[in-house]
Amino acid sequence: QIKTVNVRVTTMDAELEFAIQSVTTGKQLFEQVVKTVGLREVWYFGLQYMDNKGYLTWLKLEKKVLSQDMKRENPLQFMFRAKYFPEDVAEELIQDITRKLFFLQVKDGILSDNIYCPPETAVLLASYSVQAKFGDFSKETHKAGYLTSERLLPQRVLDQHKLSKEQWEERIQVWHEEHRGMLKEDAMLEYLKIAQDLEMYGVNYFDIKNKKGTELWLGVDALGLNIYEKDDKLTPKIGFPWSEIRNISFNDKKFVIKPIDKKAPDFVFYAPRLRINKRILQLCMGNHELYMQRRKPDSIEVQQMKAQAREEKHQRQLERAMLENEKKKRENIEREKEEMEREKREMMMRLSQFEEQARKAQRGKVLIGSHYRRVNSYSALVEENKIRPAMEVQEDLLKTREELQLVMTVPPPPAPAMLMMEDVQVEEGEHDDHEENTRTYSAELLVETIKDNRNEEERLTEAEKNERVQRQLMALSSELADARDDTKKTQNDILHMENMRAGRDKYKTLRQIRMGNTKQRIDEFEAL
């Protein structure tokens, strides 16, 4: 009999439980998870677990789950997370579920300060995350305190400003109101479009040393390999795009990267642990493959997914437009009804004045009696108006008015001044392991199939492209300046402000650190 084991997989917004067999592979478990979640863009994701030494490790898909070096718990614990990041979320992420999983993971990274985010950007992002959760702001639904239990800002940002919880909520609410009309899914995408410009977004950092023994960071991301000095994870000093690298290998702790440029020497660095080295190699291979894939025409599967996503979005927009339309119709009918009720009250008031004057005249009484019947039938009409078309109601109202005017112009006694009423106006609503190892692990990176397309170096940040975002960030920055406590600045705050003053951003830095030929940059790395 085959032994079964219980497994718990935690995604960014759910917990899934499975029973697997002792022979189940990582791939089989992964496929079960993506099928349950409804995810088709599987190439970004992986399953993480805590190994026996307390390190987070990615589950190997080709091996049996139980043969891998994990803590033996019941159930076995895994986290379903994005392992690779897109270069441009708006261009590449297709399904809503993919965008949602990235949104939740990136948001968690920002709130826990694993991704540095300046205060003004953090507040703007918080307002998008509120729109993504609550939809449009509504005074009736979102009373004061509606954000009290929400985790919206990194603790660092809260500590650096002399603002109460209520004051933070007021600021975020103002920006939440600005996003009116934005679909929840679109709010998540807007969040990611701003977050992807943060310097630490999507970067995996590893401790390395160069030949001289200088301690540095190696950053592996969607665009290539970058080298950072130990006290600055925001601004890389040297960069190598994936299109410049043909082979990556390591033996024990020594990493060798062979550039495509035959004149350039090998790029050599040292990493402390074998299993970390395996992880670096795996991330390099996966990121390189996706980098190349993005520079080729879409596969048939991706084309189909994009077409389906467009259709679903169109359907959502239609449904939303219909709901908005219905809502406006209801509001207009309510407004008409109130207007008619008001006119009815005015008529009754005038009628009572007329009754007073006509009391002594028998003829007046007869007329009033008949008019009372009119008013009563008009009252019934107002009730009926909830379902009757507005034009019909309008005609009836005009007829009633004319007859009332006729009654009131008949002597005796002298009638009051003729009633002048404007037509009812219907306002439109707003439209708006082993540690020692002599084996060499190697990966050949194929690059011949594409042209050296390094368009990422020409990219603009969302704030540069989008005037609205630029305006919002400037307004927030000056708003927060008065409440800022400068004694609580962190090293990252200081580095970020230096970059801002120098006019640097993620993409300008990238362009700068890749300048010169490969050899010059390798020499520069050795000199660090």
Foldseek 3Di string as FASTA:
>chain_A
DWDWAWEWEAALPDIDIDIHTQQAFLQNVLVVVCVVLVDDVSLQKFKWAQFPVRDIDTGDRVHGRVVDGHDDDHRGYIYIAGPADDLACVPPPFDLSVLVRLLSVLQVCQQQVVFDDDLLLLLLLLLLLCCLPPNADDCVPCPQCNCVPPSRHHVLSVVFFPDDPSRSVVSSVVSNNVCHPDHSSVSSSVSVLQSSQGQSPAWDWAWKAAPVRQTWIWTFHLFFIFIGHPLDSRFTQATDGLLQWFKWKDFQFKIWTDGPPPPADIQIMGGQFDSVVVVVVVSSQSSLVVSQQVQDDDDPVVVVSNVVSVVVVVVVVVVVVVVVVVVQVQVLLVLVLVVVVVVLVVLVVLLVVQCVQCVVPPVLVVLSVVLVVLSVVLVVVSVVSSPDDPVVNQVSVVVNLVSSQVSQPDDPPHGPPRDDDDRDDRDGDDPDDDSHGRDMDMDGRDNPVGDPDNCLLVDDRCLVVPVVNVVSSVVSVVVRVVRGDVVSDDSNNVVVVVCVVVVHTNSPSVNVNHPDDPNVNSVVSNVD
